[in-house]
């Protein structure tokens, strides 16, 4: 009898599922790439799609394990995060960034601006920028950084998870650098500027 009670209790414990909504890192990377490519679509150079580093065989094993677990324990249904959410605020920010991109592109290509580790832009050395263009570069960088910050907040808030702001910002930071075009400058992990 004790074995039966213990087995029943063990089964019930394994059947109880706590629903935790974790930050969807893979979805965030995909959404970031989509947004960045849309913003940069007027650019002549296209960035190739990132390839998965995982072989297909382990994915089939994970899929099989998931199916077996779903038969044994009924899966909990939770609302999935939609990091590609489309709200009026997000559309407005993305449009603003896309309209600014052509002006920024010339500063990127000349090496006057670069992408910092945190994904925001910086004027690399103002003294290298022709005097007539310095204020324009600073204004463009400031406006772009404000829009990037607003975009991350808007995506987090649209998903009902304002606490995801830091993770969204970090994901976008990596994707801005990854999607940088050849010749653009970015800040490396050692705080040095490197050219892609």
C-alpha atoms as a PDB file:
ATOM      1  CA  UNK A   1       0.000   0.000   0.000  1.00  0.00           C
ATOM      2  CA  UNK A   2       2.814   2.381   0.882  1.00  0.00           C
ATOM      3  CA  UNK A   3       4.439   1.710  -2.479  1.00  0.00           C
ATOM      4  CA  UNK A   4       1.186   2.491  -4.243  1.00  0.00           C
ATOM      5  CA  UNK A   5       0.774   5.765  -2.311  1.00  0.00           C
ATOM      6  CA  UNK A   6       4.394   6.705  -2.945  1.00  0.00           C
ATOM      7  CA  UNK A   7       4.064   5.905  -6.657  1.00  0.00           C
ATOM      8  CA  UNK A   8       0.824   7.879  -6.906  1.00  0.00           C
ATOM      9  CA  UNK A   9       2.343  10.854  -5.094  1.00  0.00           C
ATOM     10  CA  UNK A  10       5.416  10.735  -7.335  1.00  0.00           C
ATOM     11  CA  UNK A  11       3.218  10.642 -10.432  1.00  0.00           C
ATOM     12  CA  UNK A  12       1.144  13.593  -9.225  1.00  0.00           C
ATOM     13  CA  UNK A  13       4.277  15.594  -8.479  1.00  0.00           C
ATOM     14  CA  UNK A  14       5.605  15.007 -11.975  1.00  0.00           C
ATOM     15  CA  UNK A  15       2.215  15.919 -13.451  1.00  0.00           C
ATOM     16  CA  UNK A  16       2.158  19.292 -11.703  1.00  0.00           C
ATOM     17  CA  UNK A  17       3.578  21.905 -13.996  1.00  0.00           C
ATOM     18  CA  UNK A  18       4.570  25.387 -12.942  1.00  0.00           C
ATOM     19  CA  UNK A  19       4.251  27.883 -15.733  1.00  0.00           C
ATOM     20  CA  UNK A  20       7.157  30.269 -15.862  1.00  0.00           C
ATOM     21  CA  UNK A  21       7.424  32.588 -18.799  1.00  0.00           C
ATOM     22  CA  UNK A  22      11.103  32.940 -19.527  1.00  0.00           C
ATOM     23  CA  UNK A  23      12.642  35.440 -21.878  1.00  0.00           C
ATOM     24  CA  UNK A  24      12.537  33.825 -25.334  1.00  0.00           C
ATOM     25  CA  UNK A  25      16.145  34.411 -26.422  1.00  0.00           C
ATOM     26  CA  UNK A  26      15.901  32.648 -29.800  1.00  0.00           C
ATOM     27  CA  UNK A  27      12.720  34.525 -30.704  1.00  0.00           C
ATOM     28  CA  UNK A  28      14.360  37.771 -29.620  1.00  0.00           C
ATOM     29  CA  UNK A  29      17.341  37.184 -31.919  1.00  0.00           C
ATOM     30  CA  UNK A  30      15.058  36.406 -34.841  1.00  0.00           C
ATOM     31  CA  UNK A  31      12.924  39.498 -34.166  1.00  0.00           C
ATOM     32  CA  UNK A  32      16.027  41.681 -33.795  1.00  0.00           C
ATOM     33  CA  UNK A  33      17.442  40.427 -37.111  1.00  0.00           C
ATOM     34  CA  UNK A  34      14.111  41.062 -38.851  1.00  0.00           C
ATOM     35  CA  UNK A  35      13.840  44.599 -37.483  1.00  0.00           C
ATOM     36  CA  UNK A  36      17.485  45.476 -38.191  1.00  0.00           C
ATOM     37  CA  UNK A  37      17.325  44.158 -41.752  1.00  0.00           C
ATOM     38  CA  UNK A  38      14.126  46.113 -42.382  1.00  0.00           C
ATOM     39  CA  UNK A  39      15.753  49.286 -41.087  1.00  0.00           C
ATOM     40  CA  UNK A  40      18.831  48.702 -43.242  1.00  0.00           C
ATOM     41  CA  UNK A  41      16.989  47.456 -46.329  1.00  0.00           C
ATOM     42  CA  UNK A  42      17.868  50.520 -48.386  1.00  0.00           C
ATOM     43  CA  UNK A  43      21.512  49.534 -48.024  1.00  0.00           C
ATOM     44  CA  UNK A  44      23.107  47.861 -51.073  1.00  0.00           C
ATOM     45  CA  UNK A  45      24.906  45.161 -49.070  1.00  0.00           C
ATOM     46  CA  UNK A  46      22.788  42.369 -47.664  1.00  0.00           C
ATOM     47  CA  UNK A  47      23.817  40.311 -44.656  1.00  0.00           C
ATOM     48  CA  UNK A  48      23.523  36.535 -45.114  1.00  0.00           C
ATOM     49  CA  UNK A  49      21.069  34.663 -42.930  1.00  0.00           C
ATOM     50  CA  UNK A  50      22.713  33.222 -39.825  1.00  0.00           C
ATOM     51  CA  UNK A  51      23.103  29.461 -39.945  1.00  0.00           C
ATOM     52  CA  UNK A  52      22.155  27.218 -37.083  1.00  0.00           C
ATOM     53  CA  UNK A  53      25.148  25.805 -35.245  1.00  0.00           C
ATOM     54  CA  UNK A  54      23.191  22.733 -34.126  1.00  0.00           C
ATOM     55  CA  UNK A  55      23.144  19.616 -36.288  1.00  0.00           C
ATOM     56  CA  UNK A  56      19.740  18.259 -37.285  1.00  0.00           C
ATOM     57  CA  UNK A  57      20.123  14.911 -35.504  1.00  0.00           C
ATOM     58  CA  UNK A  58      20.016  16.291 -31.922  1.00  0.00           C
ATOM     59  CA  UNK A  59      16.984  18.377 -32.871  1.00  0.00           C
ATOM     60  CA  UNK A  60      15.143  15.209 -33.890  1.00  0.00           C
ATOM     61  CA  UNK A  61      16.041  13.622 -30.541  1.00  0.00           C
ATOM     62  CA  UNK A  62      14.786  16.690 -28.622  1.00  0.00           C
ATOM     63  CA  UNK A  63      11.594  16.659 -30.676  1.00  0.00           C
ATOM     64  CA  UNK A  64      11.064  12.960 -29.923  1.00  0.00           C
ATOM     65  CA  UNK A  65      11.679  13.511 -26.172  1.00  0.00           C
ATOM     66  CA  UNK A  66       9.257  16.441 -26.213  1.00  0.00           C
ATOM     67  CA  UNK A  67       6.562  14.301 -27.872  1.00  0.00           C
ATOM     68  CA  UNK A  68       7.033  11.508 -25.312  1.00  0.00           C
ATOM     69  CA  UNK A  69       6.820  13.953 -22.401  1.00  0.00           C
ATOM     70  CA  UNK A  70       3.696  15.535 -23.904  1.00  0.00           C
ATOM     71  CA  UNK A  71       2.004  12.122 -23.918  1.00  0.00           C
ATOM     72  CA  UNK A  72       2.979  11.390 -20.308  1.00  0.00           C
ATOM     73  CA  UNK A  73       2.373  14.889 -18.931  1.00  0.00           C
ATOM     74  CA  UNK A  74      -0.158  17.128 -20.573  1.00  0.00           C
ATOM     75  CA  UNK A  75       1.627  20.295 -21.730  1.00  0.00           C
ATOM     76  CA  UNK A  76       0.638  23.559 -20.066  1.00  0.00           C
ATOM     77  CA  UNK A  77      -0.620  26.220 -22.369  1.00  0.00           C
ATOM     78  CA  UNK A  78       0.902  29.659 -21.881  1.00  0.00           C
ATOM     79  CA  UNK A  79       0.825  32.733 -24.018  1.00  0.00           C
ATOM     80  CA  UNK A  80       4.013  32.919 -26.038  1.00  0.00           C
ATOM     81  CA  UNK A  81       5.956  36.138 -26.243  1.00  0.00           C
ATOM     82  CA  UNK A  82       5.592  37.967 -29.539  1.00  0.00           C
ATOM     83  CA  UNK A  83       8.795  39.954 -29.904  1.00  0.00           C
ATOM     84  CA  UNK A  84       7.851  40.824 -33.467  1.00  0.00           C
ATOM     85  CA  UNK A  85       4.744  42.522 -32.149  1.00  0.00           C
ATOM     86  CA  UNK A  86       3.400  45.264 -34.346  1.00  0.00           C
ATOM     87  CA  UNK A  87       1.967  48.239 -32.519  1.00  0.00           C
ATOM     88  CA  UNK A  88       1.528  51.831 -33.669  1.00  0.00           C
ATOM     89  CA  UNK A  89       4.355  52.911 -31.356  1.00  0.00           C
ATOM     90  CA  UNK A  90       6.746  50.247 -32.655  1.00  0.00           C
ATOM     91  CA  UNK A  91       5.881  51.031 -36.295  1.00  0.00           C
ATOM     92  CA  UNK A  92       6.526  54.743 -35.669  1.00  0.00           C
ATOM     93  CA  UNK A  93       9.933  54.068 -34.084  1.00  0.00           C
ATOM     94  CA  UNK A  94      10.971  51.629 -36.819  1.00  0.00           C
ATOM     95  CA  UNK A  95       9.915  54.085 -39.511  1.00  0.00           C
ATOM     96  CA  UNK A  96      11.918  56.853 -37.874  1.00  0.00           C
ATOM     97  CA  UNK A  97      14.986  54.611 -37.741  1.00  0.00           C
ATOM     98  CA  UNK A  98      14.563  53.501 -41.346  1.00  0.00           C
ATOM     99  CA  UNK A  99      14.230  57.105 -42.540  1.00  0.00           C
ATOM    100  CA  UNK A 100      17.434  58.013 -40.691  1.00  0.00           C
ATOM    101  CA  UNK A 101      19.450  55.032 -41.927  1.00  0.00           C
ATOM    102  CA  UNK A 102      20.625  56.467 -45.265  1.00  0.00           C
ATOM    103  CA  UNK A 103      22.088  59.489 -43.475  1.00  0.00           C
ATOM    104  CA  UNK A 104      23.766  57.258 -40.887  1.00  0.00           C
ATOM    105  CA  UNK A 105      25.104  54.886 -43.555  1.00  0.00           C
ATOM    106  CA  UNK A 106      27.533  57.449 -44.960  1.00  0.00           C
ATOM    107  CA  UNK A 107      28.903  58.111 -41.450  1.00  0.00           C
ATOM    108  CA  UNK A 108      29.231  54.346 -40.862  1.00  0.00           C
ATOM    109  CA  UNK A 109      31.061  53.872 -44.172  1.00  0.00           C
ATOM    110  CA  UNK A 110      33.477  56.724 -43.497  1.00  0.00           C
ATOM    111  CA  UNK A 111      34.251  55.295 -40.064  1.00  0.00           C
ATOM    112  CA  UNK A 112      33.014  58.377 -38.223  1.00  0.00           C
ATOM    113  CA  UNK A 113      30.513  56.442 -36.125  1.00  0.00           C
ATOM    114  CA  UNK A 114      30.504  52.939 -34.714  1.00  0.00           C
ATOM    115  CA  UNK A 115      28.390  50.509 -32.743  1.00  0.00           C
ATOM    116  CA  UNK A 116      29.285  50.292 -29.065  1.00  0.00           C
ATOM    117  CA  UNK A 117      29.171  47.025 -27.112  1.00  0.00           C
ATOM    118  CA  UNK A 118      25.758  47.999 -25.729  1.00  0.00           C
ATOM    119  CA  UNK A 119      24.355  48.361 -29.256  1.00  0.00           C
ATOM    120  CA  UNK A 120      24.089  52.132 -29.148  1.00  0.00           C
ATOM    121  CA  UNK A 121      26.023  54.330 -31.550  1.00  0.00           C
ATOM    122  CA  UNK A 122      28.978  56.564 -30.792  1.00  0.00           C
ATOM    123  CA  UNK A 123      30.850  59.241 -32.684  1.00  0.00           C
ATOM    124  CA  UNK A 124      34.270  57.587 -32.741  1.00  0.00           C
ATOM    125  CA  UNK A 125      36.499  60.662 -33.079  1.00  0.00           C
ATOM    126  CA  UNK A 126      34.711  63.959 -33.673  1.00  0.00           C
ATOM    127  CA  UNK A 127      37.926  65.656 -34.810  1.00  0.00           C
ATOM    128  CA  UNK A 128      38.039  63.347 -37.870  1.00  0.00           C
ATOM    129  CA  UNK A 129      34.600  64.491 -39.033  1.00  0.00           C
ATOM    130  CA  UNK A 130      34.593  67.568 -41.260  1.00  0.00           C
ATOM    131  CA  UNK A 131      33.496  70.557 -39.200  1.00  0.00           C
ATOM    132  CA  UNK A 132      30.378  71.120 -41.334  1.00  0.00           C
ATOM    133  CA  UNK A 133      29.165  67.550 -40.585  1.00  0.00           C
ATOM    134  CA  UNK A 134      30.006  67.215 -36.862  1.00  0.00           C
ATOM    135  CA  UNK A 135      26.713  68.530 -35.506  1.00  0.00           C
ATOM    136  CA  UNK A 136      24.746  66.470 -37.996  1.00  0.00           C
ATOM    137  CA  UNK A 137      26.622  63.305 -36.933  1.00  0.00           C
ATOM    138  CA  UNK A 138      26.031  64.018 -33.242  1.00  0.00           C
ATOM    139  CA  UNK A 139      22.319  64.737 -33.824  1.00  0.00           C
ATOM    140  CA  UNK A 140      21.834  61.579 -35.894  1.00  0.00           C
ATOM    141  CA  UNK A 141      23.605  59.425 -33.298  1.00  0.00           C
ATOM    142  CA  UNK A 142      21.582  60.958 -30.462  1.00  0.00           C
ATOM    143  CA  UNK A 143      18.269  60.492 -32.303  1.00  0.00           C
ATOM    144  CA  UNK A 144      19.160  56.908 -33.247  1.00  0.00           C
ATOM    145  CA  UNK A 145      20.149  56.011 -29.684  1.00  0.00           C
ATOM    146  CA  UNK A 146      16.895  57.480 -28.350  1.00  0.00           C
ATOM    147  CA  UNK A 147      14.879  55.453 -30.873  1.00  0.00           C
ATOM    148  CA  UNK A 148      16.758  52.254 -30.076  1.00  0.00           C
ATOM    149  CA  UNK A 149      16.078  52.721 -26.364  1.00  0.00           C
ATOM    150  CA  UNK A 150      12.407  53.511 -27.044  1.00  0.00           C
ATOM    151  CA  UNK A 151      12.113  50.445 -29.318  1.00  0.00           C
ATOM    152  CA  UNK A 152      13.404  48.074 -26.637  1.00  0.00           C
ATOM    153  CA  UNK A 153      11.011  49.516 -24.063  1.00  0.00           C
ATOM    154  CA  UNK A 154       8.099  49.365 -26.527  1.00  0.00           C
ATOM    155  CA  UNK A 155       8.746  45.699 -27.380  1.00  0.00           C
ATOM    156  CA  UNK A 156       9.068  44.735 -23.707  1.00  0.00           C
ATOM    157  CA  UNK A 157       5.931  46.652 -22.720  1.00  0.00           C
ATOM    158  CA  UNK A 158       3.907  45.321 -25.671  1.00  0.00           C
ATOM    159  CA  UNK A 159       4.631  41.811 -24.371  1.00  0.00           C
ATOM    160  CA  UNK A 160       3.569  42.774 -20.872  1.00  0.00           C
ATOM    161  CA  UNK A 161       7.108  42.263 -19.593  1.00  0.00           C
ATOM    162  CA  UNK A 162       8.742  45.609 -18.966  1.00  0.00           C
ATOM    163  CA  UNK A 163      11.332  43.621 -17.004  1.00  0.00           C
ATOM    164  CA  UNK A 164      12.603  42.156 -20.302  1.00  0.00           C
ATOM    165  CA  UNK A 165      14.032  45.534 -21.356  1.00  0.00           C
ATOM    166  CA  UNK A 166      17.616  44.606 -20.350  1.00  0.00           C
ATOM    167  CA  UNK A 167      17.495  41.272 -22.139  1.00  0.00           C
ATOM    168  CA  UNK A 168      15.984  42.808 -25.271  1.00  0.00           C
ATOM    169  CA  UNK A 169      18.648  45.524 -25.234  1.00  0.00           C
ATOM    170  CA  UNK A 170      21.446  42.932 -24.846  1.00  0.00           C
ATOM    171  CA  UNK A 171      20.013  40.784 -27.653  1.00  0.00           C
ATOM    172  CA  UNK A 172      19.739  43.760 -29.996  1.00  0.00           C
ATOM    173  CA  UNK A 173      23.279  44.879 -29.064  1.00  0.00           C
ATOM    174  CA  UNK A 174      24.715  41.581 -30.292  1.00  0.00           C
ATOM    175  CA  UNK A 175      22.514  41.588 -33.406  1.00  0.00           C
ATOM    176  CA  UNK A 176      23.403  45.188 -34.380  1.00  0.00           C
ATOM    177  CA  UNK A 177      27.074  44.172 -34.379  1.00  0.00           C
ATOM    178  CA  UNK A 178      26.360  40.883 -36.159  1.00  0.00           C
ATOM    179  CA  UNK A 179      24.362  42.685 -38.872  1.00  0.00           C
ATOM    180  CA  UNK A 180      26.961  45.438 -39.336  1.00  0.00           C
ATOM    181  CA  UNK A 181      28.180  45.706 -42.877  1.00  0.00           C
ATOM    182  CA  UNK A 182      31.730  45.214 -44.053  1.00  0.00           C
ATOM    183  CA  UNK A 183      33.813  48.312 -43.279  1.00  0.00           C
ATOM    184  CA  UNK A 184      31.677  49.452 -40.337  1.00  0.00           C
ATOM    185  CA  UNK A 185      33.281  49.930 -36.926  1.00  0.00           C
ATOM    186  CA  UNK A 186      32.165  48.278 -33.707  1.00  0.00           C
ATOM    187  CA  UNK A 187      33.452  48.177 -30.159  1.00  0.00           C
ATOM    188  CA  UNK A 188      34.958  44.829 -29.189  1.00  0.00           C
ATOM    189  CA  UNK A 189      34.725  43.192 -25.813  1.00  0.00           C
ATOM    190  CA  UNK A 190      38.105  44.716 -24.915  1.00  0.00           C
ATOM    191  CA  UNK A 191      36.730  48.242 -25.475  1.00  0.00           C
ATOM    192  CA  UNK A 192      38.746  48.646 -28.683  1.00  0.00           C
ATOM    193  CA  UNK A 193      37.285  49.686 -32.004  1.00  0.00           C
ATOM    194  CA  UNK A 194      37.437  47.085 -34.763  1.00  0.00           C
ATOM    195  CA  UNK A 195      36.421  47.274 -38.378  1.00  0.00           C
ATOM    196  CA  UNK A 196      34.190  44.552 -39.712  1.00  0.00           C
END
